């Protein structure tokens, strides 16, 4: 059922795209093997649902805000809202540590996304240990892969100049952040 909900939230977000819809596909179409491998990995991240998708979406959105990828913030904010993340959680993401909009586990997940995204990655051992008191190793593996993939995705989009499509227009949208550290 999680997979169906994730697919539905992605479709809802993509339907809202109003401009620049072909930016990434146009670039990757020049190297079809990269287009196919990206599509396969994206699909597998949707089907990998041992970890609560809500946590994965929060982590990816935090990562996108730290990398400052406008396209990722646009699509990520729309997907997050369609998957049940509240407007308050989206707008308070820069201040998650002091916000009561998040559970203890959500704060740990966001902190982990921040630590993995910061260069050099710092504080991972302690965060990993804390997360393993709430998550299994398979869930933590999925979380780490989602954060790492969002880093790759955001940096590729920025490198190629992929622009936002307007998926989150009229909705709460996460904002770019300055990295800690």
Protein backbone atom coordinates (compact mmCIF):
# COMPACT_ATOMS: atom_id res chain seq x y z
CA UNK A 1 0.00 0.00 0.00
CA UNK A 2 2.91 2.37 0.72
CA UNK A 3 4.11 1.98 -2.86
CA UNK A 4 0.70 2.89 -4.26
CA UNK A 5 0.54 6.00 -2.05
CA UNK A 6 4.07 7.03 -3.10
CA UNK A 7 3.29 6.57 -6.77
CA UNK A 8 0.07 8.56 -6.34
CA UNK A 9 1.86 11.46 -4.60
CA UNK A 10 4.49 11.56 -7.37
CA UNK A 11 1.83 11.56 -10.09
CA UNK A 12 -0.09 14.34 -8.33
CA UNK A 13 3.07 16.44 -8.10
CA UNK A 14 4.08 15.86 -11.75
CA UNK A 15 0.61 16.85 -12.93
CA UNK A 16 1.19 20.30 -11.42
CA UNK A 17 4.28 20.96 -13.57
CA UNK A 18 3.57 24.03 -15.68
CA UNK A 19 6.92 25.01 -17.17
CA UNK A 20 10.43 23.65 -17.81
CA UNK A 21 9.00 20.14 -17.77
CA UNK A 22 11.58 18.67 -20.10
CA UNK A 23 14.78 20.22 -18.74
CA UNK A 24 16.24 17.11 -17.12
CA UNK A 25 14.97 14.62 -19.70
CA UNK A 26 16.39 16.79 -22.50
CA UNK A 27 19.82 16.74 -20.87
CA UNK A 28 19.82 13.06 -19.95
CA UNK A 29 18.38 12.14 -23.36
CA UNK A 30 21.77 13.05 -24.79
CA UNK A 31 23.17 10.08 -22.85
CA UNK A 32 20.39 7.44 -22.94
CA UNK A 33 22.19 5.05 -20.59
CA UNK A 34 22.23 7.77 -17.92
CA UNK A 35 18.54 8.48 -18.54
CA UNK A 36 17.66 4.80 -18.16
CA UNK A 37 19.84 4.24 -15.09
CA UNK A 38 18.40 7.35 -13.43
CA UNK A 39 14.85 6.22 -14.18
CA UNK A 40 15.56 2.74 -12.79
CA UNK A 41 17.10 4.10 -9.57
CA UNK A 42 14.26 6.61 -9.12
CA UNK A 43 11.73 3.81 -9.57
CA UNK A 44 13.52 1.54 -7.11
CA UNK A 45 13.53 4.30 -4.47
CA UNK A 46 9.76 4.55 -4.85
CA UNK A 47 9.36 0.77 -4.48
CA UNK A 48 11.75 0.54 -1.51
CA UNK A 49 9.35 1.17 1.33
CA UNK A 50 10.61 -0.61 4.40
CA UNK A 51 11.22 2.90 5.80
CA UNK A 52 8.14 5.05 6.38
CA UNK A 53 7.92 7.24 3.24
CA UNK A 54 7.07 10.22 5.44
CA UNK A 55 10.54 10.02 6.99
CA UNK A 56 12.19 9.58 3.59
CA UNK A 57 10.35 12.64 2.20
CA UNK A 58 11.41 14.78 5.17
CA UNK A 59 15.04 13.72 4.76
CA UNK A 60 15.03 14.36 1.02
CA UNK A 61 13.42 17.78 1.44
CA UNK A 62 15.99 18.78 4.07
CA UNK A 63 18.77 17.62 1.75
CA UNK A 64 17.36 19.61 -1.17
CA UNK A 65 17.17 22.72 1.00
CA UNK A 66 20.81 22.34 2.06
CA UNK A 67 22.04 21.77 -1.49
CA UNK A 68 19.83 24.68 -2.63
CA UNK A 69 18.36 22.89 -5.65
CA UNK A 70 15.33 24.90 -6.75
CA UNK A 71 13.91 22.05 -8.86
CA UNK A 72 14.28 19.60 -5.96
CA UNK A 73 12.64 22.02 -3.53
CA UNK A 74 9.76 22.50 -5.96
CA UNK A 75 9.07 18.83 -6.60
CA UNK A 76 10.01 17.75 -3.07
CA UNK A 77 7.62 20.22 -1.45
CA UNK A 78 4.74 19.09 -3.65
CA UNK A 79 5.43 15.38 -3.12
CA UNK A 80 5.85 15.93 0.62
CA UNK A 81 2.46 17.61 0.93
CA UNK A 82 0.72 14.96 -1.14
CA UNK A 83 2.29 12.30 1.07
CA UNK A 84 1.06 13.90 4.29
CA UNK A 85 3.83 16.21 5.48
CA UNK A 86 2.18 19.31 6.88
CA UNK A 87 2.71 22.88 5.70
CA UNK A 88 4.05 23.67 9.15
CA UNK A 89 6.65 20.92 8.93
CA UNK A 90 7.76 22.23 5.54
CA UNK A 91 8.04 25.85 6.64
CA UNK A 92 9.74 25.01 9.93
CA UNK A 93 12.33 22.70 8.37
CA UNK A 94 15.18 25.24 8.85
CA UNK A 95 14.33 25.35 12.58
CA UNK A 96 13.48 21.69 13.13
CA UNK A 97 15.60 21.39 16.27
CA UNK A 98 13.44 23.85 18.22
CA UNK A 99 10.11 23.14 16.51
CA UNK A 100 7.39 21.08 18.10
CA UNK A 101 6.08 20.19 14.62
CA UNK A 102 8.29 17.09 14.56
CA UNK A 103 8.54 13.93 16.61
CA UNK A 104 11.83 12.86 18.16
CA UNK A 105 12.35 10.35 15.33
CA UNK A 106 11.60 12.95 12.64
CA UNK A 107 14.16 15.29 14.20
CA UNK A 108 16.76 12.51 14.20
CA UNK A 109 16.03 11.75 10.54
CA UNK A 110 16.36 15.43 9.59
CA UNK A 111 19.58 15.76 11.61
CA UNK A 112 20.94 12.67 9.83
CA UNK A 113 20.08 14.19 6.43
CA UNK A 114 21.88 17.36 7.50
CA UNK A 115 24.94 15.44 8.69
CA UNK A 116 25.17 13.31 5.54
CA UNK A 117 24.77 16.39 3.30
CA UNK A 118 27.30 18.56 5.13
CA UNK A 119 30.82 18.32 3.75
CA UNK A 120 32.65 16.79 5.42
CA UNK A 121 29.95 14.56 6.89
CA UNK A 122 30.09 14.95 10.67
CA UNK A 123 28.44 13.32 13.66
CA UNK A 124 27.25 10.29 11.71
CA UNK A 125 28.29 7.64 14.25
CA UNK A 126 26.19 9.08 17.06
CA UNK A 127 23.19 9.80 14.83
CA UNK A 128 23.38 6.33 13.30
CA UNK A 129 23.39 4.77 16.77
CA UNK A 130 20.41 6.90 17.84
CA UNK A 131 18.48 6.07 14.68
CA UNK A 132 19.12 2.35 15.17
CA UNK A 133 17.19 2.53 18.44
CA UNK A 134 14.11 3.45 16.33
CA UNK A 135 14.82 1.85 12.95
CA UNK A 136 16.10 -1.47 11.72
CA UNK A 137 19.27 -1.73 9.66
CA UNK A 138 17.28 -2.14 6.44
CA UNK A 139 15.35 1.05 7.20
CA UNK A 140 18.55 2.95 7.98
CA UNK A 141 20.10 1.67 4.75
CA UNK A 142 17.09 2.95 2.82
CA UNK A 143 17.30 6.32 4.58
CA UNK A 144 21.01 6.69 3.84
CA UNK A 145 20.43 5.74 0.20
CA UNK A 146 17.55 8.24 -0.13
CA UNK A 147 19.63 11.08 1.32
CA UNK A 148 22.66 10.20 -0.80
CA UNK A 149 20.53 9.93 -3.95
CA UNK A 150 18.94 13.31 -3.23
CA UNK A 151 22.42 14.80 -2.94
CA UNK A 152 23.33 13.33 -6.33
CA UNK A 153 20.02 14.35 -7.90
CA UNK A 154 20.21 17.93 -6.57
CA UNK A 155 23.80 18.41 -7.66
CA UNK A 156 23.11 17.02 -11.13
CA UNK A 157 20.08 19.30 -11.52
CA UNK A 158 22.14 22.30 -10.47
CA UNK A 159 25.05 21.36 -12.73
CA UNK A 160 22.73 21.11 -15.73
CA UNK A 161 20.62 24.17 -14.87
CA UNK A 162 17.38 22.22 -14.39
CA UNK A 163 14.74 24.78 -13.44
CA UNK A 164 11.69 24.48 -11.18
CA UNK A 165 8.46 23.52 -12.89
CA UNK A 166 5.92 25.12 -10.58
CA UNK A 167 4.79 21.88 -8.94
CA UNK A 168 4.60 23.55 -5.53
CA UNK A 169 3.06 26.85 -6.67
CA UNK A 170 0.31 27.85 -4.28
CA UNK A 171 1.58 25.37 -1.69
CA UNK A 172 4.06 25.66 1.15
CA UNK A 173 7.55 25.29 -0.28
CA UNK A 174 10.78 24.50 1.55
CA UNK A 175 13.39 27.20 1.22
CA UNK A 176 17.13 27.03 0.54
CA UNK A 177 19.22 26.97 3.70
CA UNK A 178 22.75 27.83 4.64
CA UNK A 179 24.59 24.73 5.75
CA UNK A 180 25.67 24.37 9.32
CA UNK A 181 29.30 23.62 9.96
